[in-house]
Amino acid sequence: MDARMELHKTVGHAGLIGWREKVANVVAPRVPIKDENARAIIGGAFFVLSVYYVIQTIIRATKDD
Protein backbone atom coordinates (compact mmCIF):
# COMPACT_ATOMS: atom_id res chain seq x y z
CA MET A 1 0.00 0.00 0.00
CA ASP A 2 2.89 2.41 0.63
CA ALA A 3 4.05 2.07 -2.98
CA ARG A 4 0.59 2.99 -4.24
CA MET A 5 0.47 6.05 -1.98
CA GLU A 6 3.89 7.11 -3.21
CA LEU A 7 2.67 6.83 -6.82
CA HIS A 8 -0.25 9.14 -6.06
CA LYS A 9 2.10 11.65 -4.48
CA THR A 10 4.49 11.42 -7.42
CA VAL A 11 1.73 11.99 -9.98
CA GLY A 12 0.21 14.74 -7.87
CA HIS A 13 3.47 16.57 -7.48
CA ALA A 14 4.14 16.23 -11.23
CA GLY A 15 1.03 18.35 -11.83
CA LEU A 16 2.55 21.25 -9.90
CA ILE A 17 4.39 23.36 -12.44
CA GLY A 18 4.45 27.13 -12.82
CA TRP A 19 1.41 28.95 -11.45
CA ARG A 20 -0.09 25.68 -10.24
CA GLU A 21 2.86 25.20 -7.91
CA LYS A 22 2.42 28.73 -6.57
CA VAL A 23 -1.25 28.00 -5.86
CA ALA A 24 -0.32 24.79 -4.02
CA ASN A 25 2.35 26.62 -2.00
CA VAL A 26 -0.27 29.09 -0.76
CA VAL A 27 -3.11 26.62 -0.18
CA ALA A 28 -1.27 23.59 1.26
CA PRO A 29 -0.20 25.18 4.57
CA ARG A 30 -3.76 26.40 5.22
CA VAL A 31 -5.55 23.04 5.10
CA PRO A 32 -5.76 20.69 8.10
CA ILE A 33 -3.67 17.91 6.51
CA LYS A 34 0.06 17.50 5.90
CA ASP A 35 1.46 19.93 3.34
CA GLU A 36 2.84 17.04 1.28
CA ASN A 37 -0.58 15.37 1.04
CA ALA A 38 -2.34 18.63 0.27
CA ARG A 39 0.15 19.40 -2.51
CA ALA A 40 -0.36 15.90 -3.95
CA ILE A 41 -4.15 16.34 -3.95
CA ILE A 42 -3.95 19.78 -5.55
CA GLY A 43 -1.46 18.57 -8.15
CA GLY A 44 -3.58 15.52 -8.87
CA ALA A 45 -6.62 17.72 -9.43
CA PHE A 46 -4.70 19.91 -11.87
CA PHE A 47 -3.37 16.79 -13.62
CA VAL A 48 -6.87 15.32 -14.02
CA LEU A 49 -8.22 18.63 -15.33
CA SER A 50 -5.41 18.80 -17.88
CA VAL A 51 -6.15 15.28 -19.13
CA TYR A 52 -9.86 16.13 -19.31
CA TYR A 53 -9.21 19.27 -21.39
CA VAL A 54 -6.96 17.38 -23.81
CA ILE A 55 -9.53 14.60 -24.27
CA GLN A 56 -12.34 17.12 -24.81
CA THR A 57 -10.23 18.98 -27.38
CA ILE A 58 -9.52 15.75 -29.27
CA ILE A 59 -13.21 14.85 -29.24
CA ARG A 60 -14.23 18.27 -30.58
CA ALA A 61 -11.50 18.19 -33.22
CA THR A 62 -12.55 14.77 -34.53
CA LYS A 63 -16.32 15.44 -34.66
CA ASP A 64 -17.86 15.98 -38.05
CA ASP A 65 -19.89 19.18 -38.02
PDB file of N, CA and C in Angstrom:
ATOM      1  N   MET A   1       0.817  -1.199   0.000  1.00  0.00           N
ATOM      2  CA  MET A   1       0.000   0.000   0.000  1.00  0.00           C
ATOM      3  C   MET A   1       0.858   1.258   0.000  1.00  0.00           C
ATOM      4  N   ASP A   2       2.017   1.237   0.612  1.00  0.00           N
ATOM      5  CA  ASP A   2       2.886   2.408   0.627  1.00  0.00           C
ATOM      6  C   ASP A   2       3.340   2.779  -0.769  1.00  0.00           C
ATOM      7  N   ALA A   3       3.614   1.781  -1.609  1.00  0.00           N
ATOM      8  CA  ALA A   3       4.053   2.067  -2.978  1.00  0.00           C
ATOM      9  C   ALA A   3       2.949   2.774  -3.760  1.00  0.00           C
ATOM     10  N   ARG A   4       1.702   2.362  -3.545  1.00  0.00           N
ATOM     11  CA  ARG A   4       0.587   2.995  -4.240  1.00  0.00           C
ATOM     12  C   ARG A   4       0.430   4.441  -3.778  1.00  0.00           C
ATOM     13  N   MET A   5       0.571   4.681  -2.499  1.00  0.00           N
ATOM     14  CA  MET A   5       0.472   6.047  -1.985  1.00  0.00           C
ATOM     15  C   MET A   5       1.602   6.909  -2.545  1.00  0.00           C
ATOM     16  N   GLU A   6       2.767   6.357  -2.657  1.00  0.00           N
ATOM     17  CA  GLU A   6       3.886   7.110  -3.213  1.00  0.00           C
ATOM     18  C   GLU A   6       3.633   7.446  -4.676  1.00  0.00           C
ATOM     19  N   LEU A   7       2.993   6.557  -5.420  1.00  0.00           N
ATOM     20  CA  LEU A   7       2.667   6.825  -6.819  1.00  0.00           C
ATOM     21  C   LEU A   7       1.704   8.000  -6.920  1.00  0.00           C
ATOM     22  N   HIS A   8       0.694   8.026  -6.056  1.00  0.00           N
ATOM     23  CA  HIS A   8      -0.246   9.142  -6.055  1.00  0.00           C
ATOM     24  C   HIS A   8       0.464  10.458  -5.763  1.00  0.00           C
ATOM     25  N   LYS A   9       1.366  10.438  -4.813  1.00  0.00           N
ATOM     26  CA  LYS A   9       2.102  11.654  -4.484  1.00  0.00           C
ATOM     27  C   LYS A   9       2.985  12.077  -5.645  1.00  0.00           C
ATOM     28  N   THR A  10       3.625  11.114  -6.297  1.00  0.00           N
ATOM     29  CA  THR A  10       4.494  11.419  -7.423  1.00  0.00           C
ATOM     30  C   THR A  10       3.701  12.044  -8.564  1.00  0.00           C
ATOM     31  N   VAL A  11       2.573  11.453  -8.906  1.00  0.00           N
ATOM     32  CA  VAL A  11       1.729  11.992  -9.981  1.00  0.00           C
ATOM     33  C   VAL A  11       1.178  13.352  -9.577  1.00  0.00           C
ATOM     34  N   GLY A  12       0.741  13.472  -8.347  1.00  0.00           N
ATOM     35  CA  GLY A  12       0.210  14.738  -7.871  1.00  0.00           C
ATOM     36  C   GLY A  12       1.231  15.849  -7.919  1.00  0.00           C
ATOM     37  N   HIS A  13       2.422  15.556  -7.469  1.00  0.00           N
ATOM     38  CA  HIS A  13       3.474  16.573  -7.482  1.00  0.00           C
ATOM     39  C   HIS A  13       3.918  16.899  -8.908  1.00  0.00           C
ATOM     40  N   ALA A  14       3.782  15.966  -9.822  1.00  0.00           N
ATOM     41  CA  ALA A  14       4.136  16.233 -11.226  1.00  0.00           C
ATOM     42  C   ALA A  14       3.199  17.261 -11.846  1.00  0.00           C
ATOM     43  N   GLY A  15       1.992  17.375 -11.312  1.00  0.00           N
ATOM     44  CA  GLY A  15       1.033  18.350 -11.825  1.00  0.00           C
ATOM     45  C   GLY A  15       1.284  19.760 -11.337  1.00  0.00           C
ATOM     46  N   LEU A  16       2.270  19.935 -10.472  1.00  0.00           N
ATOM     47  CA  LEU A  16       2.550  21.253  -9.903  1.00  0.00           C
ATOM     48  C   LEU A  16       3.724  21.908 -10.626  1.00  0.00           C
ATOM     49  N   ILE A  17       3.387  22.654 -11.656  1.00  0.00           N
ATOM     50  CA  ILE A  17       4.390  23.356 -12.444  1.00  0.00           C
ATOM     51  C   ILE A  17       3.904  24.783 -12.660  1.00  0.00           C
ATOM     52  N   GLY A  18       4.798  25.732 -12.556  1.00  0.00           N
ATOM     53  CA  GLY A  18       4.451  27.130 -12.822  1.00  0.00           C
ATOM     54  C   GLY A  18       3.462  27.686 -11.818  1.00  0.00           C
ATOM     55  N   TRP A  19       2.400  28.309 -12.324  1.00  0.00           N
ATOM     56  CA  TRP A  19       1.411  28.955 -11.453  1.00  0.00           C
ATOM     57  C   TRP A  19       0.691  27.946 -10.581  1.00  0.00           C
ATOM     58  N   ARG A  20       0.587  26.706 -11.042  1.00  0.00           N
ATOM     59  CA  ARG A  20      -0.087  25.680 -10.240  1.00  0.00           C
ATOM     60  C   ARG A  20       0.703  25.395  -8.961  1.00  0.00           C
ATOM     61  N   GLU A  21       2.014  25.402  -9.081  1.00  0.00           N
ATOM     62  CA  GLU A  21       2.859  25.196  -7.910  1.00  0.00           C
ATOM     63  C   GLU A  21       2.702  26.352  -6.918  1.00  0.00           C
ATOM     64  N   LYS A  22       2.607  27.565  -7.444  1.00  0.00           N
ATOM     65  CA  LYS A  22       2.419  28.731  -6.573  1.00  0.00           C
ATOM     66  C   LYS A  22       1.097  28.644  -5.820  1.00  0.00           C
ATOM     67  N   VAL A  23       0.051  28.184  -6.509  1.00  0.00           N
ATOM     68  CA  VAL A  23      -1.250  27.998  -5.856  1.00  0.00           C
ATOM     69  C   VAL A  23      -1.122  26.968  -4.736  1.00  0.00           C
ATOM     70  N   ALA A  24      -0.483  25.849  -5.021  1.00  0.00           N
ATOM     71  CA  ALA A  24      -0.319  24.792  -4.016  1.00  0.00           C
ATOM     72  C   ALA A  24       0.505  25.286  -2.829  1.00  0.00           C
ATOM     73  N   ASN A  25       1.519  26.102  -3.087  1.00  0.00           N
ATOM     74  CA  ASN A  25       2.347  26.624  -1.999  1.00  0.00           C
ATOM     75  C   ASN A  25       1.559  27.534  -1.063  1.00  0.00           C
ATOM     76  N   VAL A  26       0.555  28.214  -1.588  1.00  0.00           N
ATOM     77  CA  VAL A  26      -0.275  29.091  -0.765  1.00  0.00           C
ATOM     78  C   VAL A  26      -1.353  28.291  -0.037  1.00  0.00           C
ATOM     79  N   VAL A  27      -1.972  27.345  -0.732  1.00  0.00           N
ATOM     80  CA  VAL A  27      -3.113  26.620  -0.177  1.00  0.00           C
ATOM     81  C   VAL A  27      -2.691  25.521   0.798  1.00  0.00           C
ATOM     82  N   ALA A  28      -1.654  24.772   0.473  1.00  0.00           N
ATOM     83  CA  ALA A  28      -1.269  23.592   1.257  1.00  0.00           C
ATOM     84  C   ALA A  28      -1.070  23.879   2.748  1.00  0.00           C
ATOM     85  N   PRO A  29      -0.382  24.948   3.124  1.00  0.00           N
ATOM     86  CA  PRO A  29      -0.201  25.175   4.572  1.00  0.00           C
ATOM     87  C   PRO A  29      -1.488  25.565   5.311  1.00  0.00           C
ATOM     88  N   ARG A  30      -2.527  25.920   4.590  1.00  0.00           N
ATOM     89  CA  ARG A  30      -3.758  26.403   5.218  1.00  0.00           C
ATOM     90  C   ARG A  30      -4.799  25.313   5.451  1.00  0.00           C
ATOM     91  N   VAL A  31      -4.575  24.119   4.927  1.00  0.00           N
ATOM     92  CA  VAL A  31      -5.553  23.043   5.103  1.00  0.00           C
ATOM     93  C   VAL A  31      -5.127  22.148   6.263  1.00  0.00           C
ATOM     94  N   PRO A  32      -6.076  21.456   6.882  1.00  0.00           N
ATOM     95  CA  PRO A  32      -5.756  20.688   8.098  1.00  0.00           C
ATOM     96  C   PRO A  32      -5.152  19.305   7.837  1.00  0.00           C
ATOM     97  N   ILE A  33      -4.394  19.160   6.769  1.00  0.00           N
ATOM     98  CA  ILE A  33      -3.672  17.912   6.511  1.00  0.00           C
ATOM     99  C   ILE A  33      -2.217  18.260   6.239  1.00  0.00           C
ATOM    100  N   LYS A  34      -1.363  17.253   6.166  1.00  0.00           N
ATOM    101  CA  LYS A  34       0.055  17.497   5.903  1.00  0.00           C
ATOM    102  C   LYS A  34       0.226  18.245   4.586  1.00  0.00           C
ATOM    103  N   ASP A  35       1.190  19.162   4.556  1.00  0.00           N
ATOM    104  CA  ASP A  35       1.458  19.928   3.337  1.00  0.00           C
ATOM    105  C   ASP A  35       1.721  19.017   2.145  1.00  0.00           C
ATOM    106  N   GLU A  36       2.489  17.960   2.361  1.00  0.00           N
ATOM    107  CA  GLU A  36       2.845  17.038   1.275  1.00  0.00           C
ATOM    108  C   GLU A  36       1.596  16.397   0.669  1.00  0.00           C
ATOM    109  N   ASN A  37       0.665  15.983   1.534  1.00  0.00           N
ATOM    110  CA  ASN A  37      -0.575  15.370   1.044  1.00  0.00           C
ATOM    111  C   ASN A  37      -1.457  16.393   0.341  1.00  0.00           C
ATOM    112  N   ALA A  38      -1.529  17.583   0.891  1.00  0.00           N
ATOM    113  CA  ALA A  38      -2.341  18.632   0.270  1.00  0.00           C
ATOM    114  C   ALA A  38      -1.785  18.975  -1.111  1.00  0.00           C
ATOM    115  N   ARG A  39      -0.466  19.097  -1.220  1.00  0.00           N
ATOM    116  CA  ARG A  39       0.149  19.400  -2.507  1.00  0.00           C
ATOM    117  C   ARG A  39      -0.112  18.277  -3.513  1.00  0.00           C
ATOM    118  N   ALA A  40      -0.080  17.030  -3.056  1.00  0.00           N
ATOM    119  CA  ALA A  40      -0.357  15.898  -3.948  1.00  0.00           C
ATOM    120  C   ALA A  40      -1.802  15.932  -4.437  1.00  0.00           C
ATOM    121  N   ILE A  41      -2.731  16.272  -3.556  1.00  0.00           N
ATOM    122  CA  ILE A  41      -4.148  16.343  -3.950  1.00  0.00           C
ATOM    123  C   ILE A  41      -4.374  17.480  -4.933  1.00  0.00           C
ATOM    124  N   ILE A  42      -3.801  18.630  -4.649  1.00  0.00           N
ATOM    125  CA  ILE A  42      -3.945  19.784  -5.546  1.00  0.00           C
ATOM    126  C   ILE A  42      -3.317  19.481  -6.899  1.00  0.00           C
ATOM    127  N   GLY A  43      -2.126  18.932  -6.891  1.00  0.00           N
ATOM    128  CA  GLY A  43      -1.460  18.574  -8.148  1.00  0.00           C
ATOM    129  C   GLY A  43      -2.229  17.529  -8.926  1.00  0.00           C
ATOM    130  N   GLY A  44      -2.777  16.553  -8.213  1.00  0.00           N
ATOM    131  CA  GLY A  44      -3.578  15.522  -8.870  1.00  0.00           C
ATOM    132  C   GLY A  44      -4.818  16.115  -9.532  1.00  0.00           C
ATOM    133  N   ALA A  45      -5.437  17.069  -8.850  1.00  0.00           N
ATOM    134  CA  ALA A  45      -6.618  17.722  -9.430  1.00  0.00           C
ATOM    135  C   ALA A  45      -6.249  18.471 -10.701  1.00  0.00           C
ATOM    136  N   PHE A  46      -5.143  19.201 -10.673  1.00  0.00           N
ATOM    137  CA  PHE A  46      -4.697  19.907 -11.871  1.00  0.00           C
ATOM    138  C   PHE A  46      -4.336  18.930 -12.987  1.00  0.00           C
ATOM    139  N   PHE A  47      -3.737  17.800 -12.626  1.00  0.00           N
ATOM    140  CA  PHE A  47      -3.373  16.785 -13.616  1.00  0.00           C
ATOM    141  C   PHE A  47      -4.620  16.213 -14.280  1.00  0.00           C
ATOM    142  N   VAL A  48      -5.617  15.871 -13.487  1.00  0.00           N
ATOM    143  CA  VAL A  48      -6.869  15.315 -14.021  1.00  0.00           C
ATOM    144  C   VAL A  48      -7.564  16.333 -14.917  1.00  0.00           C
ATOM    145  N   LEU A  49      -7.606  17.588 -14.501  1.00  0.00           N
ATOM    146  CA  LEU A  49      -8.218  18.629 -15.335  1.00  0.00           C
ATOM    147  C   LEU A  49      -7.488  18.777 -16.667  1.00  0.00           C
ATOM    148  N   SER A  50      -6.179  18.694 -16.646  1.00  0.00           N
ATOM    149  CA  SER A  50      -5.407  18.795 -17.882  1.00  0.00           C
ATOM    150  C   SER A  50      -5.736  17.654 -18.836  1.00  0.00           C
ATOM    151  N   VAL A  51      -5.795  16.444 -18.308  1.00  0.00           N
ATOM    152  CA  VAL A  51      -6.147  15.281 -19.132  1.00  0.00           C
ATOM    153  C   VAL A  51      -7.556  15.451 -19.698  1.00  0.00           C
ATOM    154  N   TYR A  52      -8.491  15.913 -18.876  1.00  0.00           N
ATOM    155  CA  TYR A  52      -9.863  16.134 -19.310  1.00  0.00           C
ATOM    156  C   TYR A  52      -9.911  17.131 -20.473  1.00  0.00           C
ATOM    157  N   TYR A  53      -9.206  18.252 -20.337  1.00  0.00           N
ATOM    158  CA  TYR A  53      -9.212  19.267 -21.391  1.00  0.00           C
ATOM    159  C   TYR A  53      -8.620  18.733 -22.690  1.00  0.00           C
ATOM    160  N   VAL A  54      -7.569  17.951 -22.597  1.00  0.00           N
ATOM    161  CA  VAL A  54      -6.961  17.376 -23.806  1.00  0.00           C
ATOM    162  C   VAL A  54      -7.933  16.413 -24.480  1.00  0.00           C
ATOM    163  N   ILE A  55      -8.576  15.560 -23.702  1.00  0.00           N
ATOM    164  CA  ILE A  55      -9.533  14.603 -24.270  1.00  0.00           C
ATOM    165  C   ILE A  55     -10.702  15.341 -24.915  1.00  0.00           C
ATOM    166  N   GLN A  56     -11.236  16.355 -24.244  1.00  0.00           N
ATOM    167  CA  GLN A  56     -12.343  17.125 -24.809  1.00  0.00           C
ATOM    168  C   GLN A  56     -11.932  17.827 -26.106  1.00  0.00           C
ATOM    169  N   THR A  57     -10.723  18.328 -26.168  1.00  0.00           N
ATOM    170  CA  THR A  57     -10.231  18.978 -27.382  1.00  0.00           C
ATOM    171  C   THR A  57     -10.121  17.976 -28.524  1.00  0.00           C
ATOM    172  N   ILE A  58      -9.633  16.800 -28.247  1.00  0.00           N
ATOM    173  CA  ILE A  58      -9.519  15.754 -29.273  1.00  0.00           C
ATOM    174  C   ILE A  58     -10.909  15.362 -29.768  1.00  0.00           C
ATOM    175  N   ILE A  59     -11.847  15.207 -28.847  1.00  0.00           N
ATOM    176  CA  ILE A  59     -13.212  14.845 -29.237  1.00  0.00           C
ATOM    177  C   ILE A  59     -13.822  15.919 -30.138  1.00  0.00           C
ATOM    178  N   ARG A  60     -13.672  17.174 -29.759  1.00  0.00           N
ATOM    179  CA  ARG A  60     -14.226  18.273 -30.583  1.00  0.00           C
ATOM    180  C   ARG A  60     -13.534  18.352 -31.939  1.00  0.00           C
ATOM    181  N   ALA A  61     -12.249  18.095 -31.975  1.00  0.00           N
ATOM    182  CA  ALA A  61     -11.495  18.186 -33.224  1.00  0.00           C
ATOM    183  C   ALA A  61     -11.859  17.064 -34.198  1.00  0.00           C
ATOM    184  N   THR A  62     -12.260  15.915 -33.660  1.00  0.00           N
ATOM    185  CA  THR A  62     -12.549  14.774 -34.527  1.00  0.00           C
ATOM    186  C   THR A  62     -14.025  14.668 -34.912  1.00  0.00           C
ATOM    187  N   LYS A  63     -14.888  15.469 -34.307  1.00  0.00           N
ATOM    188  CA  LYS A  63     -16.319  15.439 -34.661  1.00  0.00           C
ATOM    189  C   LYS A  63     -16.524  16.023 -36.040  1.00  0.00           C
ATOM    190  N   ASP A  64     -17.456  15.440 -36.760  1.00  0.00           N
ATOM    191  CA  ASP A  64     -17.860  15.984 -38.053  1.00  0.00           C
ATOM    192  C   ASP A  64     -19.021  16.940 -37.840  1.00  0.00           C
ATOM    193  N   ASP A  65     -18.812  18.189 -38.181  1.00  0.00           N
ATOM    194  CA  ASP A  65     -19.887  19.177 -38.024  1.00  0.00           C
ATOM    195  C   ASP A  65     -20.453  19.564 -39.354  1.00  0.00           C
TER     196      ASP A  65
END
